[in-house]
Amino acid sequence: MLQSRYKHVFLWPALIALLAVIIFPLIYTVLLSFSGWSVNRIGLNWVGWANYARAIVDPRFWQSMGTL
């Protein structure tokens, strides 16, 4: 009984570290990919799928995918 309690004590800090180091930046990056940014304005504006639509039709994007 005592050992199972200690498992949880050591598990929670590891899960919190995993959340802070891997999952939060991943979610934030996806959020940023749906946003636009301008030097002239403070903050982000929501553009939705426009960034992805622009990348699909941009020949420089496809050229860069070929040079990996």
C-alpha atoms as a PDB file:
ATOM      1  CA  MET A   1       0.000   0.000   0.000  1.00  0.00           C
ATOM      2  CA  LEU A   2       2.766   2.416   0.883  1.00  0.00           C
ATOM      3  CA  GLN A   3       4.655   1.698  -2.354  1.00  0.00           C
ATOM      4  CA  SER A   4       1.689   2.546  -4.586  1.00  0.00           C
ATOM      5  CA  ARG A   5       1.395   5.960  -2.936  1.00  0.00           C
ATOM      6  CA  TYR A   6       5.027   6.738  -3.709  1.00  0.00           C
ATOM      7  CA  LYS A   7       4.576   5.815  -7.368  1.00  0.00           C
ATOM      8  CA  HIS A   8       2.140   8.679  -7.787  1.00  0.00           C
ATOM      9  CA  VAL A   9       4.361  11.117  -5.928  1.00  0.00           C
ATOM     10  CA  PHE A  10       7.136  10.522  -8.467  1.00  0.00           C
ATOM     11  CA  LEU A  11       4.821  10.253 -11.471  1.00  0.00           C
ATOM     12  CA  TRP A  12       3.175  13.690 -11.233  1.00  0.00           C
ATOM     13  CA  PRO A  13       6.352  15.805 -11.544  1.00  0.00           C
ATOM     14  CA  ALA A  14       7.349  13.803 -14.618  1.00  0.00           C
ATOM     15  CA  LEU A  15       3.942  14.342 -16.212  1.00  0.00           C
ATOM     16  CA  ILE A  16       4.040  18.054 -15.447  1.00  0.00           C
ATOM     17  CA  ALA A  17       7.519  18.299 -16.995  1.00  0.00           C
ATOM     18  CA  LEU A  18       6.293  16.431 -20.069  1.00  0.00           C
ATOM     19  CA  LEU A  19       3.394  18.833 -20.398  1.00  0.00           C
ATOM     20  CA  ALA A  20       5.617  21.883 -20.007  1.00  0.00           C
ATOM     21  CA  VAL A  21       8.395  20.770 -22.353  1.00  0.00           C
ATOM     22  CA  ILE A  22       6.602  18.896 -25.137  1.00  0.00           C
ATOM     23  CA  ILE A  23       2.840  19.278 -25.219  1.00  0.00           C
ATOM     24  CA  PHE A  24       2.456  23.014 -24.501  1.00  0.00           C
ATOM     25  CA  PRO A  25       4.945  24.109 -27.217  1.00  0.00           C
ATOM     26  CA  LEU A  26       3.290  21.760 -29.711  1.00  0.00           C
ATOM     27  CA  ILE A  27      -0.158  23.206 -29.076  1.00  0.00           C
ATOM     28  CA  TYR A  28       1.206  26.766 -29.134  1.00  0.00           C
ATOM     29  CA  THR A  29       2.922  26.135 -32.482  1.00  0.00           C
ATOM     30  CA  VAL A  30      -0.324  24.895 -34.012  1.00  0.00           C
ATOM     31  CA  LEU A  31      -2.088  27.992 -32.675  1.00  0.00           C
ATOM     32  CA  LEU A  32       0.580  30.232 -34.211  1.00  0.00           C
ATOM     33  CA  SER A  33       0.273  28.476 -37.572  1.00  0.00           C
ATOM     34  CA  PHE A  34      -3.368  29.606 -37.761  1.00  0.00           C
ATOM     35  CA  SER A  35      -2.451  33.195 -36.855  1.00  0.00           C
ATOM     36  CA  GLY A  36      -0.954  36.091 -38.722  1.00  0.00           C
ATOM     37  CA  TRP A  37       1.610  38.511 -37.396  1.00  0.00           C
ATOM     38  CA  SER A  38       2.534  41.984 -38.511  1.00  0.00           C
ATOM     39  CA  VAL A  39       5.343  44.262 -37.403  1.00  0.00           C
ATOM     40  CA  ASN A  40       2.951  47.212 -37.423  1.00  0.00           C
ATOM     41  CA  ARG A  41       0.377  45.657 -35.068  1.00  0.00           C
ATOM     42  CA  ILE A  42       0.578  44.359 -31.539  1.00  0.00           C
ATOM     43  CA  GLY A  43      -0.605  40.807 -31.072  1.00  0.00           C
ATOM     44  CA  LEU A  44      -1.783  38.126 -33.437  1.00  0.00           C
ATOM     45  CA  ASN A  45      -4.756  38.084 -35.761  1.00  0.00           C
ATOM     46  CA  TRP A  46      -6.612  34.897 -36.579  1.00  0.00           C
ATOM     47  CA  VAL A  47      -6.287  33.971 -40.268  1.00  0.00           C
ATOM     48  CA  GLY A  48      -7.413  30.349 -40.078  1.00  0.00           C
ATOM     49  CA  TRP A  49      -6.380  28.166 -43.001  1.00  0.00           C
ATOM     50  CA  ALA A  50      -5.056  31.107 -45.077  1.00  0.00           C
ATOM     51  CA  ASN A  51      -1.428  30.383 -44.176  1.00  0.00           C
ATOM     52  CA  TYR A  52      -1.768  26.796 -45.359  1.00  0.00           C
ATOM     53  CA  ALA A  53      -3.663  27.785 -48.517  1.00  0.00           C
ATOM     54  CA  ARG A  54      -0.946  30.290 -49.364  1.00  0.00           C
ATOM     55  CA  ALA A  55       1.766  27.664 -48.811  1.00  0.00           C
ATOM     56  CA  ILE A  56       0.068  25.140 -51.099  1.00  0.00           C
ATOM     57  CA  VAL A  57       0.015  27.503 -54.079  1.00  0.00           C
ATOM     58  CA  ASP A  58       3.464  29.017 -53.454  1.00  0.00           C
ATOM     59  CA  PRO A  59       6.096  27.491 -55.780  1.00  0.00           C
ATOM     60  CA  ARG A  60       8.895  28.421 -53.363  1.00  0.00           C
ATOM     61  CA  PHE A  61       7.278  26.218 -50.720  1.00  0.00           C
ATOM     62  CA  TRP A  62       7.253  23.210 -53.037  1.00  0.00           C
ATOM     63  CA  GLN A  63      10.805  23.943 -54.145  1.00  0.00           C
ATOM     64  CA  SER A  64      11.949  23.983 -50.532  1.00  0.00           C
ATOM     65  CA  MET A  65      10.195  20.669 -49.923  1.00  0.00           C
ATOM     66  CA  GLY A  66      12.227  19.179 -52.763  1.00  0.00           C
ATOM     67  CA  THR A  67      15.548  20.380 -51.394  1.00  0.00           C
ATOM     68  CA  LEU A  68      15.278  18.669 -48.031  1.00  0.00           C
END
